[in-house]
Amino acid sequence: MATLMIVCPACGKCKALLPVGKPQPVTDASFVQEVERAPVPVLVDAWAPWCGPGHMIAPVIDQLAIEPAGRVRAATRESHRLTAMTQRWASCC
């Protein structure tokens, strides 16, 4: 009988396990730690509930949270709720 071994990606610097499977939500409070200081590049999806294109791209962002795990991270943020970050990064949503 074959054994399936699941390997979770770890940070190359501190060896902490990286989240896999779903884009991680970021807030004003967590943005610096989760995105700017991340050990790997982070794709941040800025979305709003009324944004049709944002809902259309969501499955692609979900897939990007799984496939390149450990090399790239995916994160999401509700741009209408995070005014400081939205202003800083000039998000249009």
PDB file of N, CA and C in Angstrom:
ATOM      1  N   MET A   1       0.838  -1.176   0.000  1.00  0.00           N
ATOM      2  CA  MET A   1       0.000   0.000   0.000  1.00  0.00           C
ATOM      3  C   MET A   1       0.886   1.244   0.000  1.00  0.00           C
ATOM      4  N   ALA A   2       0.594   2.170  -0.885  1.00  0.00           N
ATOM      5  CA  ALA A   2       1.371   3.410  -0.995  1.00  0.00           C
ATOM      6  C   ALA A   2       0.954   4.389   0.090  1.00  0.00           C
ATOM      7  N   THR A   3       1.912   5.154   0.574  1.00  0.00           N
ATOM      8  CA  THR A   3       1.646   6.163   1.588  1.00  0.00           C
ATOM      9  C   THR A   3       1.742   7.529   0.951  1.00  0.00           C
ATOM     10  N   LEU A   4       0.741   8.353   1.185  1.00  0.00           N
ATOM     11  CA  LEU A   4       0.739   9.714   0.674  1.00  0.00           C
ATOM     12  C   LEU A   4       1.338  10.626   1.725  1.00  0.00           C
ATOM     13  N   MET A   5       2.332  11.375   1.343  1.00  0.00           N
ATOM     14  CA  MET A   5       2.990  12.296   2.269  1.00  0.00           C
ATOM     15  C   MET A   5       2.716  13.712   1.811  1.00  0.00           C
ATOM     16  N   ILE A   6       2.143  14.503   2.679  1.00  0.00           N
ATOM     17  CA  ILE A   6       1.843  15.889   2.363  1.00  0.00           C
ATOM     18  C   ILE A   6       2.910  16.758   3.002  1.00  0.00           C
ATOM     19  N   VAL A   7       3.556  17.575   2.182  1.00  0.00           N
ATOM     20  CA  VAL A   7       4.609  18.454   2.672  1.00  0.00           C
ATOM     21  C   VAL A   7       4.117  19.888   2.609  1.00  0.00           C
ATOM     22  N   CYS A   8       4.111  20.547   3.741  1.00  0.00           N
ATOM     23  CA  CYS A   8       3.708  21.951   3.792  1.00  0.00           C
ATOM     24  C   CYS A   8       4.935  22.813   3.546  1.00  0.00           C
ATOM     25  N   PRO A   9       4.815  23.842   2.722  1.00  0.00           N
ATOM     26  CA  PRO A   9       5.969  24.701   2.479  1.00  0.00           C
ATOM     27  C   PRO A   9       6.340  25.491   3.727  1.00  0.00           C
ATOM     28  N   ALA A  10       7.633  25.728   3.869  1.00  0.00           N
ATOM     29  CA  ALA A  10       8.135  26.483   5.015  1.00  0.00           C
ATOM     30  C   ALA A  10       8.937  27.674   4.527  1.00  0.00           C
ATOM     31  N   CYS A  11       8.991  28.698   5.354  1.00  0.00           N
ATOM     32  CA  CYS A  11       9.780  29.884   5.074  1.00  0.00           C
ATOM     33  C   CYS A  11      11.246  29.483   4.977  1.00  0.00           C
ATOM     34  N   GLY A  12      11.904  29.943   3.943  1.00  0.00           N
ATOM     35  CA  GLY A  12      13.316  29.637   3.770  1.00  0.00           C
ATOM     36  C   GLY A  12      14.199  30.292   4.806  1.00  0.00           C
ATOM     37  N   LYS A  13      13.716  31.343   5.417  1.00  0.00           N
ATOM     38  CA  LYS A  13      14.500  32.096   6.394  1.00  0.00           C
ATOM     39  C   LYS A  13      14.293  31.574   7.823  1.00  0.00           C
ATOM     40  N   CYS A  14      13.049  31.552   8.287  1.00  0.00           N
ATOM     41  CA  CYS A  14      12.774  31.184   9.688  1.00  0.00           C
ATOM     42  C   CYS A  14      12.232  29.767   9.839  1.00  0.00           C
ATOM     43  N   LYS A  15      11.939  29.106   8.721  1.00  0.00           N
ATOM     44  CA  LYS A  15      11.425  27.729   8.699  1.00  0.00           C
ATOM     45  C   LYS A  15       9.988  27.587   9.223  1.00  0.00           C
ATOM     46  N   ALA A  16       9.295  28.688   9.454  1.00  0.00           N
ATOM     47  CA  ALA A  16       7.894  28.620   9.881  1.00  0.00           C
ATOM     48  C   ALA A  16       7.049  28.096   8.725  1.00  0.00           C
ATOM     49  N   LEU A  17       6.019  27.325   9.037  1.00  0.00           N
ATOM     50  CA  LEU A  17       5.136  26.809   7.993  1.00  0.00           C
ATOM     51  C   LEU A  17       4.348  27.954   7.374  1.00  0.00           C
ATOM     52  N   LEU A  18       4.234  27.923   6.049  1.00  0.00           N
ATOM     53  CA  LEU A  18       3.487  28.946   5.331  1.00  0.00           C
ATOM     54  C   LEU A  18       2.066  28.467   5.084  1.00  0.00           C
ATOM     55  N   PRO A  19       1.082  29.359   5.164  1.00  0.00           N
ATOM     56  CA  PRO A  19      -0.302  28.944   4.918  1.00  0.00           C
ATOM     57  C   PRO A  19      -0.493  28.512   3.471  1.00  0.00           C
ATOM     58  N   VAL A  20      -1.268  27.459   3.286  1.00  0.00           N
ATOM     59  CA  VAL A  20      -1.509  26.916   1.953  1.00  0.00           C
ATOM     60  C   VAL A  20      -2.987  26.634   1.783  1.00  0.00           C
ATOM     61  N   GLY A  21      -3.474  26.819   0.587  1.00  0.00           N
ATOM     62  CA  GLY A  21      -4.823  26.392   0.276  1.00  0.00           C
ATOM     63  C   GLY A  21      -5.812  27.496   0.008  1.00  0.00           C
ATOM     64  N   LYS A  22      -5.718  28.585   0.695  1.00  0.00           N
ATOM     65  CA  LYS A  22      -6.620  29.708   0.494  1.00  0.00           C
ATOM     66  C   LYS A  22      -5.811  30.991   0.598  1.00  0.00           C
ATOM     67  N   PRO A  23      -6.181  32.007  -0.166  1.00  0.00           N
ATOM     68  CA  PRO A  23      -5.524  33.299   0.028  1.00  0.00           C
ATOM     69  C   PRO A  23      -5.758  33.774   1.460  1.00  0.00           C
ATOM     70  N   GLN A  24      -4.752  34.300   2.077  1.00  0.00           N
ATOM     71  CA  GLN A  24      -4.847  34.762   3.458  1.00  0.00           C
ATOM     72  C   GLN A  24      -5.349  36.202   3.491  1.00  0.00           C
ATOM     73  N   PRO A  25      -6.380  36.487   4.276  1.00  0.00           N
ATOM     74  CA  PRO A  25      -6.850  37.866   4.378  1.00  0.00           C
ATOM     75  C   PRO A  25      -5.829  38.732   5.121  1.00  0.00           C
ATOM     76  N   VAL A  26      -5.653  39.951   4.654  1.00  0.00           N
ATOM     77  CA  VAL A  26      -4.772  40.895   5.338  1.00  0.00           C
ATOM     78  C   VAL A  26      -5.578  42.117   5.738  1.00  0.00           C
ATOM     79  N   THR A  27      -5.150  42.737   6.823  1.00  0.00           N
ATOM     80  CA  THR A  27      -5.812  43.929   7.338  1.00  0.00           C
ATOM     81  C   THR A  27      -4.785  45.045   7.424  1.00  0.00           C
ATOM     82  N   ASP A  28      -5.242  46.235   7.787  1.00  0.00           N
ATOM     83  CA  ASP A  28      -4.296  47.330   8.005  1.00  0.00           C
ATOM     84  C   ASP A  28      -3.252  46.922   9.039  1.00  0.00           C
ATOM     85  N   ALA A  29      -3.701  46.231  10.090  1.00  0.00           N
ATOM     86  CA  ALA A  29      -2.798  45.847  11.168  1.00  0.00           C
ATOM     87  C   ALA A  29      -1.807  44.758  10.768  1.00  0.00           C
ATOM     88  N   SER A  30      -2.199  43.865   9.868  1.00  0.00           N
ATOM     89  CA  SER A  30      -1.320  42.745   9.509  1.00  0.00           C
ATOM     90  C   SER A  30      -0.555  42.937   8.208  1.00  0.00           C
ATOM     91  N   PHE A  31      -0.840  44.005   7.472  1.00  0.00           N
ATOM     92  CA  PHE A  31      -0.265  44.166   6.136  1.00  0.00           C
ATOM     93  C   PHE A  31       1.264  44.199   6.133  1.00  0.00           C
ATOM     94  N   VAL A  32       1.854  44.965   7.024  1.00  0.00           N
ATOM     95  CA  VAL A  32       3.317  45.069   7.035  1.00  0.00           C
ATOM     96  C   VAL A  32       3.938  43.701   7.293  1.00  0.00           C
ATOM     97  N   GLN A  33       3.451  42.987   8.288  1.00  0.00           N
ATOM     98  CA  GLN A  33       4.014  41.682   8.634  1.00  0.00           C
ATOM     99  C   GLN A  33       3.730  40.638   7.555  1.00  0.00           C
ATOM    100  N   GLU A  34       2.488  40.570   7.088  1.00  0.00           N
ATOM    101  CA  GLU A  34       2.073  39.516   6.170  1.00  0.00           C
ATOM    102  C   GLU A  34       2.492  39.746   4.718  1.00  0.00           C
ATOM    103  N   VAL A  35       2.662  41.009   4.322  1.00  0.00           N
ATOM    104  CA  VAL A  35       2.976  41.297   2.922  1.00  0.00           C
ATOM    105  C   VAL A  35       4.360  41.915   2.768  1.00  0.00           C
ATOM    106  N   GLU A  36       4.587  43.047   3.406  1.00  0.00           N
ATOM    107  CA  GLU A  36       5.850  43.748   3.201  1.00  0.00           C
ATOM    108  C   GLU A  36       7.052  42.988   3.755  1.00  0.00           C
ATOM    109  N   ARG A  37       6.866  42.246   4.835  1.00  0.00           N
ATOM    110  CA  ARG A  37       7.982  41.490   5.432  1.00  0.00           C
ATOM    111  C   ARG A  37       7.919  40.001   5.109  1.00  0.00           C
ATOM    112  N   ALA A  38       7.089  39.615   4.193  1.00  0.00           N
ATOM    113  CA  ALA A  38       6.952  38.203   3.844  1.00  0.00           C
ATOM    114  C   ALA A  38       8.252  37.671   3.246  1.00  0.00           C
ATOM    115  N   PRO A  39       8.578  36.421   3.519  1.00  0.00           N
ATOM    116  CA  PRO A  39       9.812  35.839   2.997  1.00  0.00           C
ATOM    117  C   PRO A  39       9.741  35.496   1.509  1.00  0.00           C
ATOM    118  N   VAL A  40       8.532  35.511   0.943  1.00  0.00           N
ATOM    119  CA  VAL A  40       8.332  35.223  -0.478  1.00  0.00           C
ATOM    120  C   VAL A  40       7.464  36.333  -1.072  1.00  0.00           C
ATOM    121  N   PRO A  41       7.441  36.491  -2.386  1.00  0.00           N
ATOM    122  CA  PRO A  41       6.549  37.492  -2.993  1.00  0.00           C
ATOM    123  C   PRO A  41       5.090  37.187  -2.651  1.00  0.00           C
ATOM    124  N   VAL A  42       4.297  38.252  -2.498  1.00  0.00           N
ATOM    125  CA  VAL A  42       2.885  38.102  -2.152  1.00  0.00           C
ATOM    126  C   VAL A  42       2.032  38.819  -3.189  1.00  0.00           C
ATOM    127  N   LEU A  43       1.084  38.088  -3.760  1.00  0.00           N
ATOM    128  CA  LEU A  43       0.095  38.668  -4.663  1.00  0.00           C
ATOM    129  C   LEU A  43      -1.101  39.065  -3.813  1.00  0.00           C
ATOM    130  N   VAL A  44      -1.432  40.360  -3.794  1.00  0.00           N
ATOM    131  CA  VAL A  44      -2.557  40.841  -2.992  1.00  0.00           C
ATOM    132  C   VAL A  44      -3.718  41.177  -3.920  1.00  0.00           C
ATOM    133  N   ASP A  45      -4.821  40.496  -3.700  1.00  0.00           N
ATOM    134  CA  ASP A  45      -6.040  40.730  -4.468  1.00  0.00           C
ATOM    135  C   ASP A  45      -6.901  41.730  -3.711  1.00  0.00           C
ATOM    136  N   ALA A  46      -7.047  42.931  -4.251  1.00  0.00           N
ATOM    137  CA  ALA A  46      -7.912  43.950  -3.650  1.00  0.00           C
ATOM    138  C   ALA A  46      -9.298  43.783  -4.260  1.00  0.00           C
ATOM    139  N   TRP A  47     -10.286  43.563  -3.420  1.00  0.00           N
ATOM    140  CA  TRP A  47     -11.625  43.324  -3.937  1.00  0.00           C
ATOM    141  C   TRP A  47     -12.666  44.071  -3.109  1.00  0.00           C
ATOM    142  N   ALA A  48     -13.841  44.168  -3.669  1.00  0.00           N
ATOM    143  CA  ALA A  48     -14.989  44.764  -2.991  1.00  0.00           C
ATOM    144  C   ALA A  48     -16.207  43.921  -3.351  1.00  0.00           C
ATOM    145  N   PRO A  49     -17.173  43.824  -2.470  1.00  0.00           N
ATOM    146  CA  PRO A  49     -18.345  42.974  -2.725  1.00  0.00           C
ATOM    147  C   PRO A  49     -19.098  43.319  -4.011  1.00  0.00           C
ATOM    148  N   TRP A  50     -19.080  44.578  -4.412  1.00  0.00           N
ATOM    149  CA  TRP A  50     -19.813  45.000  -5.598  1.00  0.00           C
ATOM    150  C   TRP A  50     -18.989  44.901  -6.883  1.00  0.00           C
ATOM    151  N   CYS A  51     -17.756  44.436  -6.799  1.00  0.00           N
ATOM    152  CA  CYS A  51     -16.853  44.410  -7.948  1.00  0.00           C
ATOM    153  C   CYS A  51     -16.984  43.094  -8.726  1.00  0.00           C
ATOM    154  N   GLY A  52     -17.647  43.135  -9.864  1.00  0.00           N
ATOM    155  CA  GLY A  52     -17.830  41.954 -10.703  1.00  0.00           C
ATOM    156  C   GLY A  52     -16.523  41.314 -11.145  1.00  0.00           C
ATOM    157  N   PRO A  53     -15.572  42.093 -11.694  1.00  0.00           N
ATOM    158  CA  PRO A  53     -14.295  41.501 -12.093  1.00  0.00           C
ATOM    159  C   PRO A  53     -13.552  40.843 -10.925  1.00  0.00           C
ATOM    160  N   GLY A  54     -13.700  41.395  -9.736  1.00  0.00           N
ATOM    161  CA  GLY A  54     -13.066  40.796  -8.560  1.00  0.00           C
ATOM    162  C   GLY A  54     -13.611  39.404  -8.267  1.00  0.00           C
ATOM    163  N   HIS A  55     -14.914  39.239  -8.427  1.00  0.00           N
ATOM    164  CA  HIS A  55     -15.521  37.921  -8.224  1.00  0.00           C
ATOM    165  C   HIS A  55     -15.111  36.955  -9.330  1.00  0.00           C
ATOM    166  N   MET A  56     -14.919  37.477 -10.536  1.00  0.00           N
ATOM    167  CA  MET A  56     -14.513  36.616 -11.651  1.00  0.00           C
ATOM    168  C   MET A  56     -13.091  36.097 -11.477  1.00  0.00           C
ATOM    169  N   ILE A  57     -12.198  36.897 -10.916  1.00  0.00           N
ATOM    170  CA  ILE A  57     -10.800  36.506 -10.772  1.00  0.00           C
ATOM    171  C   ILE A  57     -10.556  35.659  -9.515  1.00  0.00           C
ATOM    172  N   ALA A  58     -11.511  35.622  -8.595  1.00  0.00           N
ATOM    173  CA  ALA A  58     -11.340  34.905  -7.324  1.00  0.00           C
ATOM    174  C   ALA A  58     -10.890  33.449  -7.486  1.00  0.00           C
ATOM    175  N   PRO A  59     -11.457  32.658  -8.413  1.00  0.00           N
ATOM    176  CA  PRO A  59     -10.987  31.273  -8.560  1.00  0.00           C
ATOM    177  C   PRO A  59      -9.516  31.185  -8.983  1.00  0.00           C
ATOM    178  N   VAL A  60      -9.059  32.137  -9.757  1.00  0.00           N
ATOM    179  CA  VAL A  60      -7.649  32.156 -10.175  1.00  0.00           C
ATOM    180  C   VAL A  60      -6.761  32.458  -8.973  1.00  0.00           C
ATOM    181  N   ILE A  61      -7.168  33.410  -8.147  1.00  0.00           N
ATOM    182  CA  ILE A  61      -6.413  33.744  -6.940  1.00  0.00           C
ATOM    183  C   ILE A  61      -6.383  32.534  -6.003  1.00  0.00           C
ATOM    184  N   ASP A  62      -7.504  31.831  -5.877  1.00  0.00           N
ATOM    185  CA  ASP A  62      -7.548  30.620  -5.057  1.00  0.00           C
ATOM    186  C   ASP A  62      -6.552  29.582  -5.561  1.00  0.00           C
ATOM    187  N   GLN A  63      -6.476  29.411  -6.859  1.00  0.00           N
ATOM    188  CA  GLN A  63      -5.545  28.440  -7.443  1.00  0.00           C
ATOM    189  C   GLN A  63      -4.095  28.865  -7.209  1.00  0.00           C
ATOM    190  N   LEU A  64      -3.833  30.158  -7.272  1.00  0.00           N
ATOM    191  CA  LEU A  64      -2.480  30.653  -7.022  1.00  0.00           C
ATOM    192  C   LEU A  64      -2.058  30.467  -5.565  1.00  0.00           C
ATOM    193  N   ALA A  65      -3.021  30.290  -4.687  1.00  0.00           N
ATOM    194  CA  ALA A  65      -2.702  30.033  -3.282  1.00  0.00           C
ATOM    195  C   ALA A  65      -2.270  28.582  -3.080  1.00  0.00           C
ATOM    196  N   ILE A  66      -2.561  27.724  -4.048  1.00  0.00           N
ATOM    197  CA  ILE A  66      -2.257  26.300  -3.920  1.00  0.00           C
ATOM    198  C   ILE A  66      -1.027  25.903  -4.739  1.00  0.00           C
ATOM    199  N   GLU A  67      -1.036  26.189  -6.028  1.00  0.00           N
ATOM    200  CA  GLU A  67      -0.021  25.653  -6.936  1.00  0.00           C
ATOM    201  C   GLU A  67       1.415  26.066  -6.631  1.00  0.00           C
ATOM    202  N   PRO A  68       1.732  27.350  -6.528  1.00  0.00           N
ATOM    203  CA  PRO A  68       3.132  27.704  -6.280  1.00  0.00           C
ATOM    204  C   PRO A  68       3.463  27.841  -4.794  1.00  0.00           C
ATOM    205  N   ALA A  69       2.761  27.098  -3.952  1.00  0.00           N
ATOM    206  CA  ALA A  69       2.926  27.229  -2.496  1.00  0.00           C
ATOM    207  C   ALA A  69       4.400  27.136  -2.097  1.00  0.00           C
ATOM    208  N   GLY A  70       4.797  28.068  -1.281  1.00  0.00           N
ATOM    209  CA  GLY A  70       6.176  28.122  -0.826  1.00  0.00           C
ATOM    210  C   GLY A  70       7.042  29.053  -1.650  1.00  0.00           C
ATOM    211  N   ARG A  71       6.612  29.336  -2.879  1.00  0.00           N
ATOM    212  CA  ARG A  71       7.371  30.245  -3.751  1.00  0.00           C
ATOM    213  C   ARG A  71       6.688  31.603  -3.863  1.00  0.00           C
ATOM    214  N   VAL A  72       5.355  31.601  -3.774  1.00  0.00           N
ATOM    215  CA  VAL A  72       4.542  32.815  -3.854  1.00  0.00           C
ATOM    216  C   VAL A  72       3.360  32.616  -2.914  1.00  0.00           C
ATOM    217  N   ARG A  73       2.937  33.690  -2.262  1.00  0.00           N
ATOM    218  CA  ARG A  73       1.742  33.629  -1.427  1.00  0.00           C
ATOM    219  C   ARG A  73       0.659  34.491  -2.044  1.00  0.00           C
ATOM    220  N   ALA A  74      -0.574  34.113  -1.787  1.00  0.00           N
ATOM    221  CA  ALA A  74      -1.716  34.913  -2.230  1.00  0.00           C
ATOM    222  C   ALA A  74      -2.422  35.449  -0.989  1.00  0.00           C
ATOM    223  N   ALA A  75      -2.829  36.699  -1.068  1.00  0.00           N
ATOM    224  CA  ALA A  75      -3.544  37.342   0.027  1.00  0.00           C
ATOM    225  C   ALA A  75      -4.705  38.128  -0.561  1.00  0.00           C
ATOM    226  N   THR A  76      -5.714  38.368   0.263  1.00  0.00           N
ATOM    227  CA  THR A  76      -6.846  39.177  -0.173  1.00  0.00           C
ATOM    228  C   THR A  76      -7.076  40.285   0.839  1.00  0.00           C
ATOM    229  N   ARG A  77      -7.685  41.333   0.362  1.00  0.00           N
ATOM    230  CA  ARG A  77      -8.076  42.409   1.263  1.00  0.00           C
ATOM    231  C   ARG A  77      -9.338  43.047   0.726  1.00  0.00           C
ATOM    232  N   GLU A  78     -10.235  43.373   1.617  1.00  0.00           N
ATOM    233  CA  GLU A  78     -11.452  44.083   1.238  1.00  0.00           C
ATOM    234  C   GLU A  78     -11.098  45.558   1.204  1.00  0.00           C
ATOM    235  N   SER A  79     -10.916  46.085   0.021  1.00  0.00           N
ATOM    236  CA  SER A  79     -10.388  47.442  -0.113  1.00  0.00           C
ATOM    237  C   SER A  79     -11.317  48.509   0.449  1.00  0.00           C
ATOM    238  N   HIS A  80     -12.594  48.275   0.461  1.00  0.00           N
ATOM    239  CA  HIS A  80     -13.525  49.287   0.988  1.00  0.00           C
ATOM    240  C   HIS A  80     -13.488  49.364   2.511  1.00  0.00           C
ATOM    241  N   ARG A  81     -12.908  48.370   3.190  1.00  0.00           N
ATOM    242  CA  ARG A  81     -12.836  48.365   4.654  1.00  0.00           C
ATOM    243  C   ARG A  81     -11.485  48.800   5.194  1.00  0.00           C
ATOM    244  N   LEU A  82     -10.503  48.899   4.352  1.00  0.00           N
ATOM    245  CA  LEU A  82      -9.136  49.146   4.810  1.00  0.00           C
ATOM    246  C   LEU A  82      -8.633  50.473   4.271  1.00  0.00           C
ATOM    247  N   THR A  83      -9.122  51.536   4.803  1.00  0.00           N
ATOM    248  CA  THR A  83      -8.841  52.841   4.219  1.00  0.00           C
ATOM    249  C   THR A  83      -7.363  53.229   4.247  1.00  0.00           C
ATOM    250  N   ALA A  84      -6.658  52.976   5.328  1.00  0.00           N
ATOM    251  CA  ALA A  84      -5.243  53.374   5.389  1.00  0.00           C
ATOM    252  C   ALA A  84      -4.426  52.644   4.328  1.00  0.00           C
ATOM    253  N   MET A  85      -4.637  51.364   4.204  1.00  0.00           N
ATOM    254  CA  MET A  85      -3.898  50.590   3.214  1.00  0.00           C
ATOM    255  C   MET A  85      -4.354  50.947   1.798  1.00  0.00           C
ATOM    256  N   THR A  86      -5.650  51.145   1.626  1.00  0.00           N
ATOM    257  CA  THR A  86      -6.169  51.512   0.310  1.00  0.00           C
ATOM    258  C   THR A  86      -5.561  52.827  -0.159  1.00  0.00           C
ATOM    259  N   GLN A  87      -5.487  53.809   0.734  1.00  0.00           N
ATOM    260  CA  GLN A  87      -4.891  55.091   0.374  1.00  0.00           C
ATOM    261  C   GLN A  87      -3.397  54.952   0.101  1.00  0.00           C
ATOM    262  N   ARG A  88      -2.718  54.180   0.911  1.00  0.00           N
ATOM    263  CA  ARG A  88      -1.274  54.013   0.738  1.00  0.00           C
ATOM    264  C   ARG A  88      -0.936  53.371  -0.601  1.00  0.00           C
ATOM    265  N   TRP A  89      -1.706  52.360  -1.004  1.00  0.00           N
ATOM    266  CA  TRP A  89      -1.412  51.639  -2.232  1.00  0.00           C
ATOM    267  C   TRP A  89      -2.266  52.116  -3.396  1.00  0.00           C
ATOM    268  N   ALA A  90      -3.039  53.167  -3.217  1.00  0.00           N
ATOM    269  CA  ALA A  90      -3.841  53.783  -4.288  1.00  0.00           C
ATOM    270  C   ALA A  90      -4.698  52.772  -5.018  1.00  0.00           C
ATOM    271  N   SER A  91      -5.401  51.951  -4.271  1.00  0.00           N
ATOM    272  CA  SER A  91      -6.284  50.960  -4.872  1.00  0.00           C
ATOM    273  C   SER A  91      -7.527  51.643  -5.418  1.00  0.00           C
ATOM    274  N   CYS A  92      -8.019  51.157  -6.537  1.00  0.00           N
ATOM    275  CA  CYS A  92      -9.194  51.760  -7.152  1.00  0.00           C
ATOM    276  C   CYS A  92     -10.480  51.084  -6.739  1.00  0.00           C
ATOM    277  N   CYS A  93     -10.448  49.952  -6.105  1.00  0.00           N
ATOM    278  CA  CYS A  93     -11.680  49.224  -5.718  1.00  0.00           C
ATOM    279  C   CYS A  93     -12.185  49.721  -4.390  1.00  0.00           C
TER     280      CYS A  93
END
